[in-house]
Amino acid sequence: MARRISYKFHGVAKEINFANDKYHDMFDAIAAAEGIDLTNYIAMEKQIAMTSKGSAAVKNFRDQQYIKFGFSDIQFIKDDPKTAK
């Protein structure tokens, strides 16, 4: 089933295609679509994951960083197989 991602970048609504074989998750996909370099972000995320006791700290860090990048309203949109031909 094809998937799309809907998000806002600096207040502008956008949609992109998502492929599991190309991106780790939807956050990687939207950052790539907007040309954002995630090198420093990924390094910090790994450090937080190694020092925290659970995924809540990593999720909170990710959510806050993507807000700082200018993203909001990030969600998957599943294509309806009934309308696809």
PDB file of N, CA and C in Angstrom:
ATOM      1  N   MET A   1       0.839  -1.178   0.000  1.00  0.00           N
ATOM      2  CA  MET A   1       0.000   0.000   0.000  1.00  0.00           C
ATOM      3  C   MET A   1       0.883   1.239   0.000  1.00  0.00           C
ATOM      4  N   ALA A   2       0.625   2.132  -0.912  1.00  0.00           N
ATOM      5  CA  ALA A   2       1.390   3.371  -1.004  1.00  0.00           C
ATOM      6  C   ALA A   2       1.072   4.271   0.182  1.00  0.00           C
ATOM      7  N   ARG A   3       2.084   4.975   0.610  1.00  0.00           N
ATOM      8  CA  ARG A   3       1.882   5.898   1.724  1.00  0.00           C
ATOM      9  C   ARG A   3       2.353   7.280   1.324  1.00  0.00           C
ATOM     10  N   ARG A   4       1.705   8.249   1.909  1.00  0.00           N
ATOM     11  CA  ARG A   4       2.088   9.641   1.717  1.00  0.00           C
ATOM     12  C   ARG A   4       2.209  10.271   3.091  1.00  0.00           C
ATOM     13  N   ILE A   5       2.956  11.344   3.150  1.00  0.00           N
ATOM     14  CA  ILE A   5       3.118  12.083   4.391  1.00  0.00           C
ATOM     15  C   ILE A   5       2.587  13.486   4.174  1.00  0.00           C
ATOM     16  N   SER A   6       1.784  13.919   5.105  1.00  0.00           N
ATOM     17  CA  SER A   6       1.268  15.279   5.107  1.00  0.00           C
ATOM     18  C   SER A   6       1.948  16.018   6.253  1.00  0.00           C
ATOM     19  N   TYR A   7       2.396  17.248   5.988  1.00  0.00           N
ATOM     20  CA  TYR A   7       3.055  18.041   7.022  1.00  0.00           C
ATOM     21  C   TYR A   7       2.996  19.515   6.657  1.00  0.00           C
ATOM     22  N   LYS A   8       3.317  20.352   7.611  1.00  0.00           N
ATOM     23  CA  LYS A   8       3.460  21.786   7.361  1.00  0.00           C
ATOM     24  C   LYS A   8       4.910  22.153   7.633  1.00  0.00           C
ATOM     25  N   PHE A   9       5.487  22.934   6.734  1.00  0.00           N
ATOM     26  CA  PHE A   9       6.846  23.430   6.897  1.00  0.00           C
ATOM     27  C   PHE A   9       6.773  24.946   6.854  1.00  0.00           C
ATOM     28  N   HIS A  10       7.073  25.569   7.965  1.00  0.00           N
ATOM     29  CA  HIS A  10       6.948  27.021   8.138  1.00  0.00           C
ATOM     30  C   HIS A  10       5.556  27.494   7.739  1.00  0.00           C
ATOM     31  N   GLY A  11       4.549  26.718   8.149  1.00  0.00           N
ATOM     32  CA  GLY A  11       3.157  27.100   7.944  1.00  0.00           C
ATOM     33  C   GLY A  11       2.575  26.745   6.590  1.00  0.00           C
ATOM     34  N   VAL A  12       3.374  26.185   5.690  1.00  0.00           N
ATOM     35  CA  VAL A  12       2.899  25.826   4.354  1.00  0.00           C
ATOM     36  C   VAL A  12       2.623  24.323   4.313  1.00  0.00           C
ATOM     37  N   ALA A  13       1.378  23.950   4.004  1.00  0.00           N
ATOM     38  CA  ALA A  13       0.991  22.540   3.948  1.00  0.00           C
ATOM     39  C   ALA A  13       1.609  21.872   2.732  1.00  0.00           C
ATOM     40  N   LYS A  14       2.157  20.658   2.949  1.00  0.00           N
ATOM     41  CA  LYS A  14       2.796  19.913   1.868  1.00  0.00           C
ATOM     42  C   LYS A  14       2.495  18.434   2.022  1.00  0.00           C
ATOM     43  N   GLU A  15       2.641  17.692   0.925  1.00  0.00           N
ATOM     44  CA  GLU A  15       2.505  16.241   0.914  1.00  0.00           C
ATOM     45  C   GLU A  15       3.628  15.658   0.074  1.00  0.00           C
ATOM     46  N   ILE A  16       4.189  14.528   0.554  1.00  0.00           N
ATOM     47  CA  ILE A  16       5.221  13.829  -0.199  1.00  0.00           C
ATOM     48  C   ILE A  16       4.943  12.337  -0.156  1.00  0.00           C
ATOM     49  N   ASN A  17       5.540  11.602  -1.104  1.00  0.00           N
ATOM     50  CA  ASN A  17       5.465  10.138  -1.089  1.00  0.00           C
ATOM     51  C   ASN A  17       6.464   9.602  -0.080  1.00  0.00           C
ATOM     52  N   PHE A  18       6.145   8.443   0.494  1.00  0.00           N
ATOM     53  CA  PHE A  18       7.033   7.810   1.464  1.00  0.00           C
ATOM     54  C   PHE A  18       7.300   6.371   1.054  1.00  0.00           C
ATOM     55  N   ALA A  19       8.579   5.983   1.116  1.00  0.00           N
ATOM     56  CA  ALA A  19       8.963   4.598   0.817  1.00  0.00           C
ATOM     57  C   ALA A  19       9.845   4.091   1.946  1.00  0.00           C
ATOM     58  N   ASN A  20       9.473   2.944   2.528  1.00  0.00           N
ATOM     59  CA  ASN A  20      10.248   2.362   3.627  1.00  0.00           C
ATOM     60  C   ASN A  20      11.671   1.994   3.216  1.00  0.00           C
ATOM     61  N   ASP A  21      11.866   1.630   1.964  1.00  0.00           N
ATOM     62  CA  ASP A  21      13.198   1.238   1.531  1.00  0.00           C
ATOM     63  C   ASP A  21      14.136   2.430   1.328  1.00  0.00           C
ATOM     64  N   LYS A  22      13.590   3.618   1.265  1.00  0.00           N
ATOM     65  CA  LYS A  22      14.408   4.807   1.029  1.00  0.00           C
ATOM     66  C   LYS A  22      14.694   5.588   2.314  1.00  0.00           C
ATOM     67  N   TYR A  23      13.744   5.615   3.232  1.00  0.00           N
ATOM     68  CA  TYR A  23      13.878   6.402   4.457  1.00  0.00           C
ATOM     69  C   TYR A  23      13.631   5.537   5.683  1.00  0.00           C
ATOM     70  N   HIS A  24      14.302   5.868   6.769  1.00  0.00           N
ATOM     71  CA  HIS A  24      14.163   5.155   8.032  1.00  0.00           C
ATOM     72  C   HIS A  24      12.767   5.370   8.612  1.00  0.00           C
ATOM     73  N   ASP A  25      12.303   6.621   8.600  1.00  0.00           N
ATOM     74  CA  ASP A  25      10.968   6.951   9.105  1.00  0.00           C
ATOM     75  C   ASP A  25      10.471   8.218   8.420  1.00  0.00           C
ATOM     76  N   MET A  26       9.257   8.620   8.770  1.00  0.00           N
ATOM     77  CA  MET A  26       8.670   9.769   8.095  1.00  0.00           C
ATOM     78  C   MET A  26       9.420  11.061   8.398  1.00  0.00           C
ATOM     79  N   PHE A  27      10.092  11.124   9.534  1.00  0.00           N
ATOM     80  CA  PHE A  27      10.832  12.328   9.884  1.00  0.00           C
ATOM     81  C   PHE A  27      12.056  12.499   8.989  1.00  0.00           C
ATOM     82  N   ASP A  28      12.731  11.400   8.672  1.00  0.00           N
ATOM     83  CA  ASP A  28      13.849  11.451   7.734  1.00  0.00           C
ATOM     84  C   ASP A  28      13.368  11.897   6.352  1.00  0.00           C
ATOM     85  N   ALA A  29      12.213  11.412   5.947  1.00  0.00           N
ATOM     86  CA  ALA A  29      11.677  11.726   4.625  1.00  0.00           C
ATOM     87  C   ALA A  29      11.348  13.205   4.483  1.00  0.00           C
ATOM     88  N   ILE A  30      10.702  13.787   5.489  1.00  0.00           N
ATOM     89  CA  ILE A  30      10.335  15.206   5.359  1.00  0.00           C
ATOM     90  C   ILE A  30      11.564  16.104   5.453  1.00  0.00           C
ATOM     91  N   ALA A  31      12.553  15.711   6.256  1.00  0.00           N
ATOM     92  CA  ALA A  31      13.788  16.499   6.332  1.00  0.00           C
ATOM     93  C   ALA A  31      14.512  16.461   4.984  1.00  0.00           C
ATOM     94  N   ALA A  32      14.555  15.299   4.349  1.00  0.00           N
ATOM     95  CA  ALA A  32      15.188  15.177   3.038  1.00  0.00           C
ATOM     96  C   ALA A  32      14.440  16.008   1.997  1.00  0.00           C
ATOM     97  N   ALA A  33      13.120  16.004   2.071  1.00  0.00           N
ATOM     98  CA  ALA A  33      12.311  16.759   1.114  1.00  0.00           C
ATOM     99  C   ALA A  33      12.575  18.255   1.219  1.00  0.00           C
ATOM    100  N   GLU A  34      12.890  18.723   2.415  1.00  0.00           N
ATOM    101  CA  GLU A  34      13.137  20.155   2.624  1.00  0.00           C
ATOM    102  C   GLU A  34      14.627  20.499   2.611  1.00  0.00           C
ATOM    103  N   GLY A  35      15.480  19.498   2.394  1.00  0.00           N
ATOM    104  CA  GLY A  35      16.913  19.754   2.285  1.00  0.00           C
ATOM    105  C   GLY A  35      17.608  20.052   3.604  1.00  0.00           C
ATOM    106  N   ILE A  36      17.102  19.492   4.691  1.00  0.00           N
ATOM    107  CA  ILE A  36      17.679  19.733   6.017  1.00  0.00           C
ATOM    108  C   ILE A  36      18.723  18.660   6.324  1.00  0.00           C
ATOM    109  N   ASP A  37      19.923  19.092   6.710  1.00  0.00           N
ATOM    110  CA  ASP A  37      21.008  18.177   7.075  1.00  0.00           C
ATOM    111  C   ASP A  37      20.779  17.702   8.508  1.00  0.00           C
ATOM    112  N   LEU A  38      20.663  16.395   8.682  1.00  0.00           N
ATOM    113  CA  LEU A  38      20.369  15.813   9.992  1.00  0.00           C
ATOM    114  C   LEU A  38      21.598  15.247  10.698  1.00  0.00           C
ATOM    115  N   THR A  39      22.787  15.536  10.236  1.00  0.00           N
ATOM    116  CA  THR A  39      24.006  14.953  10.808  1.00  0.00           C
ATOM    117  C   THR A  39      24.118  15.231  12.305  1.00  0.00           C
ATOM    118  N   ASN A  40      24.025  16.483  12.711  1.00  0.00           N
ATOM    119  CA  ASN A  40      24.129  16.837  14.132  1.00  0.00           C
ATOM    120  C   ASN A  40      22.952  16.302  14.934  1.00  0.00           C
ATOM    121  N   TYR A  41      21.778  16.348  14.346  1.00  0.00           N
ATOM    122  CA  TYR A  41      20.579  15.848  15.017  1.00  0.00           C
ATOM    123  C   TYR A  41      20.708  14.354  15.316  1.00  0.00           C
ATOM    124  N   ILE A  42      21.163  13.578  14.344  1.00  0.00           N
ATOM    125  CA  ILE A  42      21.283  12.124  14.526  1.00  0.00           C
ATOM    126  C   ILE A  42      22.317  11.791  15.598  1.00  0.00           C
ATOM    127  N   ALA A  43      23.424  12.529  15.619  1.00  0.00           N
ATOM    128  CA  ALA A  43      24.453  12.302  16.642  1.00  0.00           C
ATOM    129  C   ALA A  43      23.893  12.565  18.040  1.00  0.00           C
ATOM    130  N   MET A  44      23.154  13.640  18.202  1.00  0.00           N
ATOM    131  CA  MET A  44      22.568  13.966  19.502  1.00  0.00           C
ATOM    132  C   MET A  44      21.491  12.956  19.883  1.00  0.00           C
ATOM    133  N   GLU A  45      20.696  12.522  18.925  1.00  0.00           N
ATOM    134  CA  GLU A  45      19.652  11.527  19.182  1.00  0.00           C
ATOM    135  C   GLU A  45      20.271  10.223  19.690  1.00  0.00           C
ATOM    136  N   LYS A  46      21.391   9.818  19.100  1.00  0.00           N
ATOM    137  CA  LYS A  46      22.072   8.599  19.540  1.00  0.00           C
ATOM    138  C   LYS A  46      22.587   8.748  20.972  1.00  0.00           C
ATOM    139  N   GLN A  47      23.113   9.920  21.303  1.00  0.00           N
ATOM    140  CA  GLN A  47      23.595  10.155  22.662  1.00  0.00           C
ATOM    141  C   GLN A  47      22.456  10.092  23.664  1.00  0.00           C
ATOM    142  N   ILE A  48      21.335  10.678  23.324  1.00  0.00           N
ATOM    143  CA  ILE A  48      20.172  10.651  24.214  1.00  0.00           C
ATOM    144  C   ILE A  48      19.675   9.215  24.384  1.00  0.00           C
ATOM    145  N   ALA A  49      19.646   8.455  23.303  1.00  0.00           N
ATOM    146  CA  ALA A  49      19.191   7.063  23.369  1.00  0.00           C
ATOM    147  C   ALA A  49      20.106   6.229  24.260  1.00  0.00           C
ATOM    148  N   MET A  50      21.414   6.492  24.235  1.00  0.00           N
ATOM    149  CA  MET A  50      22.355   5.718  25.047  1.00  0.00           C
ATOM    150  C   MET A  50      22.262   6.071  26.527  1.00  0.00           C
ATOM    151  N   THR A  51      21.892   7.304  26.853  1.00  0.00           N
ATOM    152  CA  THR A  51      21.891   7.733  28.249  1.00  0.00           C
ATOM    153  C   THR A  51      20.523   7.705  28.907  1.00  0.00           C
ATOM    154  N   SER A  52      19.457   7.562  28.133  1.00  0.00           N
ATOM    155  CA  SER A  52      18.112   7.586  28.727  1.00  0.00           C
ATOM    156  C   SER A  52      17.601   6.178  28.966  1.00  0.00           C
ATOM    157  N   LYS A  53      16.620   6.076  29.847  1.00  0.00           N
ATOM    158  CA  LYS A  53      16.015   4.780  30.187  1.00  0.00           C
ATOM    159  C   LYS A  53      14.641   4.658  29.533  1.00  0.00           C
ATOM    160  N   GLY A  54      14.610   4.604  28.256  1.00  0.00           N
ATOM    161  CA  GLY A  54      13.340   4.465  27.554  1.00  0.00           C
ATOM    162  C   GLY A  54      13.296   5.356  26.334  1.00  0.00           C
ATOM    163  N   SER A  55      12.233   5.212  25.591  1.00  0.00           N
ATOM    164  CA  SER A  55      12.124   5.944  24.331  1.00  0.00           C
ATOM    165  C   SER A  55      11.477   7.313  24.484  1.00  0.00           C
ATOM    166  N   ALA A  56      10.941   7.634  25.652  1.00  0.00           N
ATOM    167  CA  ALA A  56      10.244   8.908  25.830  1.00  0.00           C
ATOM    168  C   ALA A  56      11.184  10.094  25.639  1.00  0.00           C
ATOM    169  N   ALA A  57      12.404   9.995  26.131  1.00  0.00           N
ATOM    170  CA  ALA A  57      13.360  11.098  25.999  1.00  0.00           C
ATOM    171  C   ALA A  57      13.727  11.326  24.535  1.00  0.00           C
ATOM    172  N   VAL A  58      13.912  10.240  23.798  1.00  0.00           N
ATOM    173  CA  VAL A  58      14.260  10.351  22.378  1.00  0.00           C
ATOM    174  C   VAL A  58      13.093  10.945  21.603  1.00  0.00           C
ATOM    175  N   LYS A  59      11.897  10.484  21.881  1.00  0.00           N
ATOM    176  CA  LYS A  59      10.703  11.004  21.202  1.00  0.00           C
ATOM    177  C   LYS A  59      10.509  12.486  21.498  1.00  0.00           C
ATOM    178  N   ASN A  60      10.683  12.879  22.749  1.00  0.00           N
ATOM    179  CA  ASN A  60      10.540  14.281  23.122  1.00  0.00           C
ATOM    180  C   ASN A  60      11.590  15.140  22.412  1.00  0.00           C
ATOM    181  N   PHE A  61      12.835  14.661  22.392  1.00  0.00           N
ATOM    182  CA  PHE A  61      13.901  15.392  21.696  1.00  0.00           C
ATOM    183  C   PHE A  61      13.555  15.552  20.220  1.00  0.00           C
ATOM    184  N   ARG A  62      13.123  14.456  19.569  1.00  0.00           N
ATOM    185  CA  ARG A  62      12.769  14.511  18.150  1.00  0.00           C
ATOM    186  C   ARG A  62      11.649  15.513  17.897  1.00  0.00           C
ATOM    187  N   ASP A  63      10.598  15.444  18.709  1.00  0.00           N
ATOM    188  CA  ASP A  63       9.465  16.351  18.516  1.00  0.00           C
ATOM    189  C   ASP A  63       9.885  17.807  18.660  1.00  0.00           C
ATOM    190  N   GLN A  64      10.694  18.106  19.662  1.00  0.00           N
ATOM    191  CA  GLN A  64      11.136  19.486  19.889  1.00  0.00           C
ATOM    192  C   GLN A  64      12.059  19.977  18.770  1.00  0.00           C
ATOM    193  N   GLN A  65      12.951  19.111  18.299  1.00  0.00           N
ATOM    194  CA  GLN A  65      13.866  19.510  17.229  1.00  0.00           C
ATOM    195  C   GLN A  65      13.122  19.781  15.930  1.00  0.00           C
ATOM    196  N   TYR A  66      12.145  18.948  15.603  1.00  0.00           N
ATOM    197  CA  TYR A  66      11.408  19.155  14.361  1.00  0.00           C
ATOM    198  C   TYR A  66      10.549  20.411  14.423  1.00  0.00           C
ATOM    199  N   ILE A  67      10.096  20.769  15.590  1.00  0.00           N
ATOM    200  CA  ILE A  67       9.399  22.051  15.746  1.00  0.00           C
ATOM    201  C   ILE A  67      10.378  23.192  15.482  1.00  0.00           C
ATOM    202  N   LYS A  68      11.607  23.076  16.005  1.00  0.00           N
ATOM    203  CA  LYS A  68      12.636  24.100  15.758  1.00  0.00           C
ATOM    204  C   LYS A  68      13.007  24.180  14.284  1.00  0.00           C
ATOM    205  N   PHE A  69      12.995  23.034  13.590  1.00  0.00           N
ATOM    206  CA  PHE A  69      13.282  23.037  12.158  1.00  0.00           C
ATOM    207  C   PHE A  69      12.175  23.748  11.370  1.00  0.00           C
ATOM    208  N   GLY A  70      10.964  23.841  11.942  1.00  0.00           N
ATOM    209  CA  GLY A  70       9.856  24.506  11.275  1.00  0.00           C
ATOM    210  C   GLY A  70       8.728  23.588  10.844  1.00  0.00           C
ATOM    211  N   PHE A  71       8.736  22.338  11.301  1.00  0.00           N
ATOM    212  CA  PHE A  71       7.707  21.370  10.927  1.00  0.00           C
ATOM    213  C   PHE A  71       6.572  21.345  11.938  1.00  0.00           C
ATOM    214  N   SER A  72       5.385  21.018  11.450  1.00  0.00           N
ATOM    215  CA  SER A  72       4.237  20.787  12.327  1.00  0.00           C
ATOM    216  C   SER A  72       3.239  19.901  11.593  1.00  0.00           C
ATOM    217  N   ASP A  73       2.274  19.382  12.329  1.00  0.00           N
ATOM    218  CA  ASP A  73       1.182  18.569  11.768  1.00  0.00           C
ATOM    219  C   ASP A  73       1.691  17.432  10.869  1.00  0.00           C
ATOM    220  N   ILE A  74       2.650  16.667  11.356  1.00  0.00           N
ATOM    221  CA  ILE A  74       3.251  15.575  10.590  1.00  0.00           C
ATOM    222  C   ILE A  74       2.406  14.312  10.781  1.00  0.00           C
ATOM    223  N   GLN A  75       1.964  13.712   9.653  1.00  0.00           N
ATOM    224  CA  GLN A  75       1.167  12.496   9.766  1.00  0.00           C
ATOM    225  C   GLN A  75       1.202  11.699   8.465  1.00  0.00           C
ATOM    226  N   PHE A  76       1.012  10.383   8.609  1.00  0.00           N
ATOM    227  CA  PHE A  76       0.900   9.507   7.445  1.00  0.00           C
ATOM    228  C   PHE A  76      -0.494   9.617   6.854  1.00  0.00           C
ATOM    229  N   ILE A  77      -0.576   9.491   5.532  1.00  0.00           N
ATOM    230  CA  ILE A  77      -1.850   9.407   4.827  1.00  0.00           C
ATOM    231  C   ILE A  77      -1.816   8.109   4.044  1.00  0.00           C
ATOM    232  N   LYS A  78      -2.743   7.204   4.329  1.00  0.00           N
ATOM    233  CA  LYS A  78      -2.822   5.961   3.568  1.00  0.00           C
ATOM    234  C   LYS A  78      -3.721   6.184   2.360  1.00  0.00           C
ATOM    235  N   ASP A  79      -3.235   5.736   1.204  1.00  0.00           N
ATOM    236  CA  ASP A  79      -4.059   5.815  -0.005  1.00  0.00           C
ATOM    237  C   ASP A  79      -5.161   4.773   0.095  1.00  0.00           C
ATOM    238  N   ASP A  80      -6.328   5.130  -0.327  1.00  0.00           N
ATOM    239  CA  ASP A  80      -7.471   4.227  -0.299  1.00  0.00           C
ATOM    240  C   ASP A  80      -7.369   3.255  -1.488  1.00  0.00           C
ATOM    241  N   PRO A  81      -7.228   1.961  -1.222  1.00  0.00           N
ATOM    242  CA  PRO A  81      -7.084   1.005  -2.325  1.00  0.00           C
ATOM    243  C   PRO A  81      -8.318   0.945  -3.238  1.00  0.00           C
ATOM    244  N   LYS A  82      -9.449   1.397  -2.768  1.00  0.00           N
ATOM    245  CA  LYS A  82     -10.666   1.388  -3.585  1.00  0.00           C
ATOM    246  C   LYS A  82     -10.592   2.425  -4.689  1.00  0.00           C
ATOM    247  N   THR A  83      -9.886   3.544  -4.428  1.00  0.00           N
ATOM    248  CA  THR A  83      -9.799   4.593  -5.436  1.00  0.00           C
ATOM    249  C   THR A  83      -8.586   4.427  -6.344  1.00  0.00           C
ATOM    250  N   ALA A  84      -7.593   3.657  -5.936  1.00  0.00           N
ATOM    251  CA  ALA A  84      -6.401   3.426  -6.766  1.00  0.00           C
ATOM    252  C   ALA A  84      -6.729   2.405  -7.853  1.00  0.00           C
ATOM    253  N   LYS A  85      -6.336   2.702  -9.080  1.00  0.00           N
ATOM    254  CA  LYS A  85      -6.631   1.788 -10.190  1.00  0.00           C
ATOM    255  C   LYS A  85      -5.404   1.548 -11.003  1.00  0.00           C
TER     256      LYS A  85
END
